[in-house]
Amino acid sequence: MAVITLTSENFNKEVLQSDVPVLVDFWAPWCGPCRMVSPIIDEIAGEVSGTAKVGKINVDEQNELASQYGVMSIPTVCVFKNGEVIVSSVGAKSKEEFLSMLNQG
């Protein structure tokens, strides 16, 4: 499954009401570490299809979602399960670290 572009319009349906864990990447196009993480997030999306979802939120375009979840630095990656954040991480991480976060879901 491809990465879902998350907005305030689809966030409830795609994340909060999801019946599978959702890995959410808060990012911005001008952020260097975000650009390093992006291909890793894309790769994970291809690998977890069916068992989890992967989405990205551009904090410049969706700043209300970023503030709602207390995102102060990017990249911030959160895993949601049953509508709640169960784990979050700030900064660039390895694919294994992101997968480990998702597996907590």
PDB file of N, CA and C in Angstrom:
ATOM      1  N   MET A   1       0.847  -1.184   0.000  1.00  0.00           N
ATOM      2  CA  MET A   1       0.000   0.000   0.000  1.00  0.00           C
ATOM      3  C   MET A   1       0.886   1.239   0.000  1.00  0.00           C
ATOM      4  N   ALA A   2       0.471   2.238  -0.714  1.00  0.00           N
ATOM      5  CA  ALA A   2       1.233   3.477  -0.781  1.00  0.00           C
ATOM      6  C   ALA A   2       1.030   4.296   0.488  1.00  0.00           C
ATOM      7  N   VAL A   3       1.923   5.244   0.681  1.00  0.00           N
ATOM      8  CA  VAL A   3       1.801   6.166   1.807  1.00  0.00           C
ATOM      9  C   VAL A   3       0.567   7.041   1.591  1.00  0.00           C
ATOM     10  N   ILE A   4      -0.193   7.247   2.652  1.00  0.00           N
ATOM     11  CA  ILE A   4      -1.397   8.076   2.595  1.00  0.00           C
ATOM     12  C   ILE A   4      -1.021   9.503   2.973  1.00  0.00           C
ATOM     13  N   THR A   5      -1.425  10.461   2.156  1.00  0.00           N
ATOM     14  CA  THR A   5      -1.240  11.861   2.519  1.00  0.00           C
ATOM     15  C   THR A   5      -2.366  12.228   3.464  1.00  0.00           C
ATOM     16  N   LEU A   6      -2.004  12.532   4.702  1.00  0.00           N
ATOM     17  CA  LEU A   6      -3.008  12.801   5.724  1.00  0.00           C
ATOM     18  C   LEU A   6      -3.276  14.303   5.844  1.00  0.00           C
ATOM     19  N   THR A   7      -4.557  14.624   5.971  1.00  0.00           N
ATOM     20  CA  THR A   7      -4.998  16.004   6.148  1.00  0.00           C
ATOM     21  C   THR A   7      -6.046  16.025   7.256  1.00  0.00           C
ATOM     22  N   SER A   8      -6.445  17.209   7.660  1.00  0.00           N
ATOM     23  CA  SER A   8      -7.496  17.290   8.679  1.00  0.00           C
ATOM     24  C   SER A   8      -8.793  16.672   8.168  1.00  0.00           C
ATOM     25  N   GLU A   9      -8.976  16.637   6.844  1.00  0.00           N
ATOM     26  CA  GLU A   9     -10.202  16.077   6.263  1.00  0.00           C
ATOM     27  C   GLU A   9     -10.250  14.550   6.368  1.00  0.00           C
ATOM     28  N   ASN A  10      -9.106  13.864   6.236  1.00  0.00           N
ATOM     29  CA  ASN A  10      -9.147  12.396   6.233  1.00  0.00           C
ATOM     30  C   ASN A  10      -8.505  11.767   7.475  1.00  0.00           C
ATOM     31  N   PHE A  11      -8.001  12.579   8.408  1.00  0.00           N
ATOM     32  CA  PHE A  11      -7.274  12.063   9.562  1.00  0.00           C
ATOM     33  C   PHE A  11      -8.133  11.136  10.433  1.00  0.00           C
ATOM     34  N   ASN A  12      -9.361  11.556  10.741  1.00  0.00           N
ATOM     35  CA  ASN A  12     -10.236  10.716  11.574  1.00  0.00           C
ATOM     36  C   ASN A  12     -10.440   9.349  10.959  1.00  0.00           C
ATOM     37  N   LYS A  13     -10.800   9.324   9.676  1.00  0.00           N
ATOM     38  CA  LYS A  13     -11.098   8.063   9.002  1.00  0.00           C
ATOM     39  C   LYS A  13      -9.845   7.185   8.862  1.00  0.00           C
ATOM     40  N   GLU A  14      -8.750   7.774   8.391  1.00  0.00           N
ATOM     41  CA  GLU A  14      -7.555   6.980   8.078  1.00  0.00           C
ATOM     42  C   GLU A  14      -6.733   6.597   9.313  1.00  0.00           C
ATOM     43  N   VAL A  15      -6.764   7.421  10.357  1.00  0.00           N
ATOM     44  CA  VAL A  15      -5.909   7.169  11.522  1.00  0.00           C
ATOM     45  C   VAL A  15      -6.725   6.802  12.757  1.00  0.00           C
ATOM     46  N   LEU A  16      -7.577   7.700  13.195  1.00  0.00           N
ATOM     47  CA  LEU A  16      -8.281   7.488  14.464  1.00  0.00           C
ATOM     48  C   LEU A  16      -9.264   6.332  14.406  1.00  0.00           C
ATOM     49  N   GLN A  17      -9.885   6.095  13.246  1.00  0.00           N
ATOM     50  CA  GLN A  17     -10.856   5.010  13.122  1.00  0.00           C
ATOM     51  C   GLN A  17     -10.273   3.758  12.466  1.00  0.00           C
ATOM     52  N   SER A  18      -8.964   3.732  12.269  1.00  0.00           N
ATOM     53  CA  SER A  18      -8.326   2.592  11.604  1.00  0.00           C
ATOM     54  C   SER A  18      -8.386   1.350  12.490  1.00  0.00           C
ATOM     55  N   ASP A  19      -8.615   0.197  11.854  1.00  0.00           N
ATOM     56  CA  ASP A  19      -8.619  -1.051  12.613  1.00  0.00           C
ATOM     57  C   ASP A  19      -7.242  -1.706  12.638  1.00  0.00           C
ATOM     58  N   VAL A  20      -6.250  -1.058  12.045  1.00  0.00           N
ATOM     59  CA  VAL A  20      -4.857  -1.526  12.100  1.00  0.00           C
ATOM     60  C   VAL A  20      -3.988  -0.372  12.606  1.00  0.00           C
ATOM     61  N   PRO A  21      -2.808  -0.675  13.153  1.00  0.00           N
ATOM     62  CA  PRO A  21      -1.915   0.406  13.597  1.00  0.00           C
ATOM     63  C   PRO A  21      -1.536   1.317  12.424  1.00  0.00           C
ATOM     64  N   VAL A  22      -1.295   2.593  12.733  1.00  0.00           N
ATOM     65  CA  VAL A  22      -0.943   3.572  11.698  1.00  0.00           C
ATOM     66  C   VAL A  22       0.336   4.292  12.116  1.00  0.00           C
ATOM     67  N   LEU A  23       1.351   4.223  11.251  1.00  0.00           N
ATOM     68  CA  LEU A  23       2.589   4.960  11.453  1.00  0.00           C
ATOM     69  C   LEU A  23       2.426   6.304  10.753  1.00  0.00           C
ATOM     70  N   VAL A  24       2.580   7.395  11.495  1.00  0.00           N
ATOM     71  CA  VAL A  24       2.366   8.734  10.947  1.00  0.00           C
ATOM     72  C   VAL A  24       3.663   9.525  11.030  1.00  0.00           C
ATOM     73  N   ASP A  25       4.088  10.047   9.880  1.00  0.00           N
ATOM     74  CA  ASP A  25       5.308  10.846   9.777  1.00  0.00           C
ATOM     75  C   ASP A  25       4.914  12.317   9.636  1.00  0.00           C
ATOM     76  N   PHE A  26       5.244  13.137  10.654  1.00  0.00           N
ATOM     77  CA  PHE A  26       5.058  14.585  10.567  1.00  0.00           C
ATOM     78  C   PHE A  26       6.335  15.147   9.952  1.00  0.00           C
ATOM     79  N   TRP A  27       6.222  15.855   8.823  1.00  0.00           N
ATOM     80  CA  TRP A  27       7.388  16.285   8.062  1.00  0.00           C
ATOM     81  C   TRP A  27       7.133  17.641   7.394  1.00  0.00           C
ATOM     82  N   ALA A  28       8.171  18.173   6.758  1.00  0.00           N
ATOM     83  CA  ALA A  28       8.046  19.372   5.924  1.00  0.00           C
ATOM     84  C   ALA A  28       9.073  19.280   4.799  1.00  0.00           C
ATOM     85  N   PRO A  29       8.755  19.862   3.636  1.00  0.00           N
ATOM     86  CA  PRO A  29       9.653  19.747   2.481  1.00  0.00           C
ATOM     87  C   PRO A  29      11.028  20.398   2.697  1.00  0.00           C
ATOM     88  N   TRP A  30      11.115  21.400   3.556  1.00  0.00           N
ATOM     89  CA  TRP A  30      12.377  22.116   3.784  1.00  0.00           C
ATOM     90  C   TRP A  30      13.266  21.437   4.818  1.00  0.00           C
ATOM     91  N   CYS A  31      12.787  20.365   5.435  1.00  0.00           N
ATOM     92  CA  CYS A  31      13.485  19.701   6.538  1.00  0.00           C
ATOM     93  C   CYS A  31      14.434  18.622   6.007  1.00  0.00           C
ATOM     94  N   GLY A  32      15.743  18.822   6.198  1.00  0.00           N
ATOM     95  CA  GLY A  32      16.742  17.858   5.725  1.00  0.00           C
ATOM     96  C   GLY A  32      16.561  16.462   6.298  1.00  0.00           C
ATOM     97  N   PRO A  33      16.471  16.323   7.633  1.00  0.00           N
ATOM     98  CA  PRO A  33      16.264  14.980   8.189  1.00  0.00           C
ATOM     99  C   PRO A  33      14.969  14.324   7.698  1.00  0.00           C
ATOM    100  N   CYS A  34      13.937  15.152   7.440  1.00  0.00           N
ATOM    101  CA  CYS A  34      12.675  14.598   6.910  1.00  0.00           C
ATOM    102  C   CYS A  34      12.906  13.975   5.537  1.00  0.00           C
ATOM    103  N   ARG A  35      13.725  14.635   4.720  1.00  0.00           N
ATOM    104  CA  ARG A  35      14.015  14.108   3.384  1.00  0.00           C
ATOM    105  C   ARG A  35      14.819  12.811   3.474  1.00  0.00           C
ATOM    106  N   MET A  36      15.641  12.669   4.522  1.00  0.00           N
ATOM    107  CA  MET A  36      16.390  11.421   4.713  1.00  0.00           C
ATOM    108  C   MET A  36      15.457  10.294   5.135  1.00  0.00           C
ATOM    109  N   VAL A  37      14.463  10.607   5.952  1.00  0.00           N
ATOM    110  CA  VAL A  37      13.536   9.606   6.488  1.00  0.00           C
ATOM    111  C   VAL A  37      12.498   9.183   5.449  1.00  0.00           C
ATOM    112  N   SER A  38      12.137  10.079   4.558  1.00  0.00           N
ATOM    113  CA  SER A  38      11.043   9.839   3.612  1.00  0.00           C
ATOM    114  C   SER A  38      11.152   8.520   2.840  1.00  0.00           C
ATOM    115  N   PRO A  39      12.319   8.188   2.231  1.00  0.00           N
ATOM    116  CA  PRO A  39      12.381   6.910   1.509  1.00  0.00           C
ATOM    117  C   PRO A  39      12.202   5.696   2.426  1.00  0.00           C
ATOM    118  N   ILE A  40      12.630   5.823   3.676  1.00  0.00           N
ATOM    119  CA  ILE A  40      12.466   4.723   4.640  1.00  0.00           C
ATOM    120  C   ILE A  40      10.978   4.524   4.931  1.00  0.00           C
ATOM    121  N   ILE A  41      10.275   5.630   5.146  1.00  0.00           N
ATOM    122  CA  ILE A  41       8.834   5.561   5.422  1.00  0.00           C
ATOM    123  C   ILE A  41       8.109   4.945   4.218  1.00  0.00           C
ATOM    124  N   ASP A  42       8.497   5.360   3.006  1.00  0.00           N
ATOM    125  CA  ASP A  42       7.889   4.813   1.785  1.00  0.00           C
ATOM    126  C   ASP A  42       8.115   3.304   1.694  1.00  0.00           C
ATOM    127  N   GLU A  43       9.327   2.868   2.026  1.00  0.00           N
ATOM    128  CA  GLU A  43       9.664   1.448   1.967  1.00  0.00           C
ATOM    129  C   GLU A  43       8.824   0.654   2.971  1.00  0.00           C
ATOM    130  N   ILE A  44       8.702   1.192   4.182  1.00  0.00           N
ATOM    131  CA  ILE A  44       7.902   0.524   5.212  1.00  0.00           C
ATOM    132  C   ILE A  44       6.452   0.382   4.747  1.00  0.00           C
ATOM    133  N   ALA A  45       5.921   1.426   4.110  1.00  0.00           N
ATOM    134  CA  ALA A  45       4.534   1.380   3.626  1.00  0.00           C
ATOM    135  C   ALA A  45       4.328   0.197   2.689  1.00  0.00           C
ATOM    136  N   GLY A  46       5.297  -0.072   1.839  1.00  0.00           N
ATOM    137  CA  GLY A  46       5.194  -1.197   0.916  1.00  0.00           C
ATOM    138  C   GLY A  46       5.260  -2.538   1.612  1.00  0.00           C
ATOM    139  N   GLU A  47       5.960  -2.591   2.738  1.00  0.00           N
ATOM    140  CA  GLU A  47       6.162  -3.858   3.435  1.00  0.00           C
ATOM    141  C   GLU A  47       5.032  -4.224   4.393  1.00  0.00           C
ATOM    142  N   VAL A  48       4.326  -3.243   4.932  1.00  0.00           N
ATOM    143  CA  VAL A  48       3.329  -3.541   5.974  1.00  0.00           C
ATOM    144  C   VAL A  48       1.900  -3.533   5.449  1.00  0.00           C
ATOM    145  N   SER A  49       1.752  -3.447   4.147  1.00  0.00           N
ATOM    146  CA  SER A  49       0.426  -3.408   3.548  1.00  0.00           C
ATOM    147  C   SER A  49      -0.433  -4.555   4.056  1.00  0.00           C
ATOM    148  N   GLY A  50      -1.639  -4.217   4.526  1.00  0.00           N
ATOM    149  CA  GLY A  50      -2.548  -5.236   5.031  1.00  0.00           C
ATOM    150  C   GLY A  50      -2.504  -5.382   6.542  1.00  0.00           C
ATOM    151  N   THR A  51      -1.339  -5.138   7.154  1.00  0.00           N
ATOM    152  CA  THR A  51      -1.232  -5.280   8.608  1.00  0.00           C
ATOM    153  C   THR A  51      -1.129  -3.933   9.312  1.00  0.00           C
ATOM    154  N   ALA A  52      -0.809  -2.876   8.556  1.00  0.00           N
ATOM    155  CA  ALA A  52      -0.698  -1.532   9.125  1.00  0.00           C
ATOM    156  C   ALA A  52      -0.833  -0.525   7.992  1.00  0.00           C
ATOM    157  N   LYS A  53      -0.995   0.740   8.371  1.00  0.00           N
ATOM    158  CA  LYS A  53      -1.036   1.832   7.397  1.00  0.00           C
ATOM    159  C   LYS A  53       0.119   2.773   7.689  1.00  0.00           C
ATOM    160  N   VAL A  54       0.528   3.515   6.661  1.00  0.00           N
ATOM    161  CA  VAL A  54       1.570   4.517   6.813  1.00  0.00           C
ATOM    162  C   VAL A  54       1.079   5.807   6.186  1.00  0.00           C
ATOM    163  N   GLY A  55       1.192   6.901   6.936  1.00  0.00           N
ATOM    164  CA  GLY A  55       0.748   8.190   6.429  1.00  0.00           C
ATOM    165  C   GLY A  55       1.745   9.280   6.728  1.00  0.00           C
ATOM    166  N   LYS A  56       1.656  10.370   5.964  1.00  0.00           N
ATOM    167  CA  LYS A  56       2.528  11.523   6.162  1.00  0.00           C
ATOM    168  C   LYS A  56       1.677  12.773   6.298  1.00  0.00           C
ATOM    169  N   ILE A  57       2.104  13.637   7.226  1.00  0.00           N
ATOM    170  CA  ILE A  57       1.430  14.914   7.436  1.00  0.00           C
ATOM    171  C   ILE A  57       2.442  16.025   7.211  1.00  0.00           C
ATOM    172  N   ASN A  58       2.195  16.861   6.214  1.00  0.00           N
ATOM    173  CA  ASN A  58       3.033  18.030   5.971  1.00  0.00           C
ATOM    174  C   ASN A  58       2.648  19.083   7.002  1.00  0.00           C
ATOM    175  N   VAL A  59       3.547  19.363   7.951  1.00  0.00           N
ATOM    176  CA  VAL A  59       3.213  20.255   9.059  1.00  0.00           C
ATOM    177  C   VAL A  59       2.977  21.698   8.602  1.00  0.00           C
ATOM    178  N   ASP A  60       3.540  22.083   7.454  1.00  0.00           N
ATOM    179  CA  ASP A  60       3.300  23.436   6.938  1.00  0.00           C
ATOM    180  C   ASP A  60       1.859  23.585   6.452  1.00  0.00           C
ATOM    181  N   GLU A  61       1.315  22.509   5.892  1.00  0.00           N
ATOM    182  CA  GLU A  61      -0.046  22.554   5.360  1.00  0.00           C
ATOM    183  C   GLU A  61      -1.091  22.148   6.395  1.00  0.00           C
ATOM    184  N   GLN A  62      -0.686  21.369   7.387  1.00  0.00           N
ATOM    185  CA  GLN A  62      -1.626  20.820   8.377  1.00  0.00           C
ATOM    186  C   GLN A  62      -1.149  21.172   9.792  1.00  0.00           C
ATOM    187  N   ASN A  63      -0.893  22.463  10.016  1.00  0.00           N
ATOM    188  CA  ASN A  63      -0.323  22.832  11.315  1.00  0.00           C
ATOM    189  C   ASN A  63      -1.263  22.587  12.480  1.00  0.00           C
ATOM    190  N   GLU A  64      -2.581  22.527  12.222  1.00  0.00           N
ATOM    191  CA  GLU A  64      -3.508  22.245  13.329  1.00  0.00           C
ATOM    192  C   GLU A  64      -3.339  20.814  13.831  1.00  0.00           C
ATOM    193  N   LEU A  65      -3.069  19.866  12.931  1.00  0.00           N
ATOM    194  CA  LEU A  65      -2.824  18.480  13.363  1.00  0.00           C
ATOM    195  C   LEU A  65      -1.502  18.392  14.117  1.00  0.00           C
ATOM    196  N   ALA A  66      -0.493  19.102  13.629  1.00  0.00           N
ATOM    197  CA  ALA A  66       0.810  19.099  14.309  1.00  0.00           C
ATOM    198  C   ALA A  66       0.658  19.644  15.720  1.00  0.00           C
ATOM    199  N   SER A  67      -0.083  20.748  15.885  1.00  0.00           N
ATOM    200  CA  SER A  67      -0.236  21.292  17.235  1.00  0.00           C
ATOM    201  C   SER A  67      -1.085  20.387  18.106  1.00  0.00           C
ATOM    202  N   GLN A  68      -2.097  19.767  17.521  1.00  0.00           N
ATOM    203  CA  GLN A  68      -2.967  18.876  18.296  1.00  0.00           C
ATOM    204  C   GLN A  68      -2.160  17.742  18.932  1.00  0.00           C
ATOM    205  N   TYR A  69      -1.123  17.282  18.231  1.00  0.00           N
ATOM    206  CA  TYR A  69      -0.318  16.174  18.742  1.00  0.00           C
ATOM    207  C   TYR A  69       1.022  16.638  19.316  1.00  0.00           C
ATOM    208  N   GLY A  70       1.150  17.939  19.568  1.00  0.00           N
ATOM    209  CA  GLY A  70       2.323  18.466  20.260  1.00  0.00           C
ATOM    210  C   GLY A  70       3.624  18.334  19.498  1.00  0.00           C
ATOM    211  N   VAL A  71       3.547  18.342  18.160  1.00  0.00           N
ATOM    212  CA  VAL A  71       4.755  18.209  17.352  1.00  0.00           C
ATOM    213  C   VAL A  71       5.518  19.535  17.381  1.00  0.00           C
ATOM    214  N   MET A  72       6.696  19.516  17.995  1.00  0.00           N
ATOM    215  CA  MET A  72       7.524  20.712  18.116  1.00  0.00           C
ATOM    216  C   MET A  72       8.745  20.651  17.200  1.00  0.00           C
ATOM    217  N   SER A  73       9.211  19.440  16.906  1.00  0.00           N
ATOM    218  CA  SER A  73      10.372  19.229  16.045  1.00  0.00           C
ATOM    219  C   SER A  73      10.004  18.168  15.022  1.00  0.00           C
ATOM    220  N   ILE A  74      10.630  18.271  13.851  1.00  0.00           N
ATOM    221  CA  ILE A  74      10.367  17.267  12.822  1.00  0.00           C
ATOM    222  C   ILE A  74      11.704  16.713  12.333  1.00  0.00           C
ATOM    223  N   PRO A  75      11.706  15.490  11.814  1.00  0.00           N
ATOM    224  CA  PRO A  75      10.561  14.602  11.716  1.00  0.00           C
ATOM    225  C   PRO A  75      10.137  14.040  13.081  1.00  0.00           C
ATOM    226  N   THR A  76       8.835  13.984  13.273  1.00  0.00           N
ATOM    227  CA  THR A  76       8.257  13.268  14.408  1.00  0.00           C
ATOM    228  C   THR A  76       7.446  12.128  13.819  1.00  0.00           C
ATOM    229  N   VAL A  77       7.690  10.927  14.292  1.00  0.00           N
ATOM    230  CA  VAL A  77       6.963   9.755  13.822  1.00  0.00           C
ATOM    231  C   VAL A  77       6.189   9.183  15.009  1.00  0.00           C
ATOM    232  N   CYS A  78       4.885   9.004  14.817  1.00  0.00           N
ATOM    233  CA  CYS A  78       4.012   8.463  15.863  1.00  0.00           C
ATOM    234  C   CYS A  78       3.341   7.195  15.341  1.00  0.00           C
ATOM    235  N   VAL A  79       3.063   6.280  16.259  1.00  0.00           N
ATOM    236  CA  VAL A  79       2.258   5.113  15.913  1.00  0.00           C
ATOM    237  C   VAL A  79       0.945   5.238  16.679  1.00  0.00           C
ATOM    238  N   PHE A  80      -0.151   5.177  15.930  1.00  0.00           N
ATOM    239  CA  PHE A  80      -1.497   5.243  16.503  1.00  0.00           C
ATOM    240  C   PHE A  80      -2.093   3.848  16.506  1.00  0.00           C
ATOM    241  N   LYS A  81      -2.762   3.517  17.595  1.00  0.00           N
ATOM    242  CA  LYS A  81      -3.529   2.274  17.661  1.00  0.00           C
ATOM    243  C   LYS A  81      -4.807   2.585  18.422  1.00  0.00           C
ATOM    244  N   ASN A  82      -5.927   2.176  17.864  1.00  0.00           N
ATOM    245  CA  ASN A  82      -7.237   2.438  18.472  1.00  0.00           C
ATOM    246  C   ASN A  82      -7.438   3.926  18.756  1.00  0.00           C
ATOM    247  N   GLY A  83      -6.955   4.769  17.847  1.00  0.00           N
ATOM    248  CA  GLY A  83      -7.166   6.208  17.963  1.00  0.00           C
ATOM    249  C   GLY A  83      -6.245   6.925  18.929  1.00  0.00           C
ATOM    250  N   GLU A  84      -5.286   6.213  19.515  1.00  0.00           N
ATOM    251  CA  GLU A  84      -4.370   6.816  20.490  1.00  0.00           C
ATOM    252  C   GLU A  84      -2.928   6.680  20.030  1.00  0.00           C
ATOM    253  N   VAL A  85      -2.089   7.667  20.397  1.00  0.00           N
ATOM    254  CA  VAL A  85      -0.654   7.558  20.133  1.00  0.00           C
ATOM    255  C   VAL A  85      -0.082   6.590  21.168  1.00  0.00           C
ATOM    256  N   ILE A  86       0.521   5.497  20.689  1.00  0.00           N
ATOM    257  CA  ILE A  86       1.098   4.537  21.634  1.00  0.00           C
ATOM    258  C   ILE A  86       2.607   4.710  21.768  1.00  0.00           C
ATOM    259  N   VAL A  87       3.233   5.287  20.755  1.00  0.00           N
ATOM    260  CA  VAL A  87       4.673   5.543  20.802  1.00  0.00           C
ATOM    261  C   VAL A  87       4.989   6.647  19.800  1.00  0.00           C
ATOM    262  N   SER A  88       5.962   7.496  20.150  1.00  0.00           N
ATOM    263  CA  SER A  88       6.389   8.520  19.202  1.00  0.00           C
ATOM    264  C   SER A  88       7.888   8.728  19.337  1.00  0.00           C
ATOM    265  N   SER A  89       8.473   9.293  18.284  1.00  0.00           N
ATOM    266  CA  SER A  89       9.911   9.472  18.230  1.00  0.00           C
ATOM    267  C   SER A  89      10.219  10.727  17.422  1.00  0.00           C
ATOM    268  N   VAL A  90      11.214  11.487  17.862  1.00  0.00           N
ATOM    269  CA  VAL A  90      11.619  12.694  17.144  1.00  0.00           C
ATOM    270  C   VAL A  90      13.000  12.459  16.545  1.00  0.00           C
ATOM    271  N   GLY A  91      13.156  12.857  15.288  1.00  0.00           N
ATOM    272  CA  GLY A  91      14.456  12.747  14.629  1.00  0.00           C
ATOM    273  C   GLY A  91      14.528  11.558  13.688  1.00  0.00           C
ATOM    274  N   ALA A  92      15.592  11.560  12.894  1.00  0.00           N
ATOM    275  CA  ALA A  92      15.810  10.489  11.928  1.00  0.00           C
ATOM    276  C   ALA A  92      16.181   9.206  12.657  1.00  0.00           C
ATOM    277  N   LYS A  93      15.608   8.115  12.213  1.00  0.00           N
ATOM    278  CA  LYS A  93      15.885   6.795  12.794  1.00  0.00           C
ATOM    279  C   LYS A  93      16.093   5.808  11.651  1.00  0.00           C
ATOM    280  N   SER A  94      16.515   4.612  12.010  1.00  0.00           N
ATOM    281  CA  SER A  94      16.695   3.572  11.006  1.00  0.00           C
ATOM    282  C   SER A  94      15.349   2.911  10.696  1.00  0.00           C
ATOM    283  N   LYS A  95      15.312   2.206   9.596  1.00  0.00           N
ATOM    284  CA  LYS A  95      14.112   1.460   9.218  1.00  0.00           C
ATOM    285  C   LYS A  95      13.738   0.471  10.322  1.00  0.00           C
ATOM    286  N   GLU A  96      14.741  -0.190  10.896  1.00  0.00           N
ATOM    287  CA  GLU A  96      14.486  -1.170  11.949  1.00  0.00           C
ATOM    288  C   GLU A  96      13.830  -0.511  13.163  1.00  0.00           C
ATOM    289  N   GLU A  97      14.298   0.698  13.516  1.00  0.00           N
ATOM    290  CA  GLU A  97      13.721   1.394  14.665  1.00  0.00           C
ATOM    291  C   GLU A  97      12.259   1.773  14.405  1.00  0.00           C
ATOM    292  N   PHE A  98      11.960   2.230  13.187  1.00  0.00           N
ATOM    293  CA  PHE A  98      10.574   2.569  12.860  1.00  0.00           C
ATOM    294  C   PHE A  98       9.695   1.320  12.849  1.00  0.00           C
ATOM    295  N   LEU A  99      10.206   0.216  12.301  1.00  0.00           N
ATOM    296  CA  LEU A  99       9.441  -1.034  12.289  1.00  0.00           C
ATOM    297  C   LEU A  99       9.198  -1.533  13.711  1.00  0.00           C
ATOM    298  N   SER A 100      10.185  -1.370  14.578  1.00  0.00           N
ATOM    299  CA  SER A 100      10.035  -1.775  15.973  1.00  0.00           C
ATOM    300  C   SER A 100       8.931  -0.964  16.644  1.00  0.00           C
ATOM    301  N   MET A 101       8.875   0.347  16.355  1.00  0.00           N
ATOM    302  CA  MET A 101       7.806   1.189  16.887  1.00  0.00           C
ATOM    303  C   MET A 101       6.444   0.664  16.403  1.00  0.00           C
ATOM    304  N   LEU A 102       6.369   0.356  15.121  1.00  0.00           N
ATOM    305  CA  LEU A 102       5.103  -0.103  14.539  1.00  0.00           C
ATOM    306  C   LEU A 102       4.692  -1.440  15.149  1.00  0.00           C
ATOM    307  N   ASN A 103       5.663  -2.288  15.432  1.00  0.00           N
ATOM    308  CA  ASN A 103       5.361  -3.604  16.012  1.00  0.00           C
ATOM    309  C   ASN A 103       4.834  -3.509  17.440  1.00  0.00           C
ATOM    310  N   GLN A 104       5.077  -2.380  18.101  1.00  0.00           N
ATOM    311  CA  GLN A 104       4.497  -2.178  19.425  1.00  0.00           C
ATOM    312  C   GLN A 104       2.989  -2.028  19.314  1.00  0.00           C
ATOM    313  N   GLY A 105       2.546  -1.652  18.100  1.00  0.00           N
ATOM    314  CA  GLY A 105       1.123  -1.505  17.862  1.00  0.00           C
ATOM    315  C   GLY A 105       0.473  -2.829  17.658  1.00  0.00           C
TER     316      GLY A 105
END
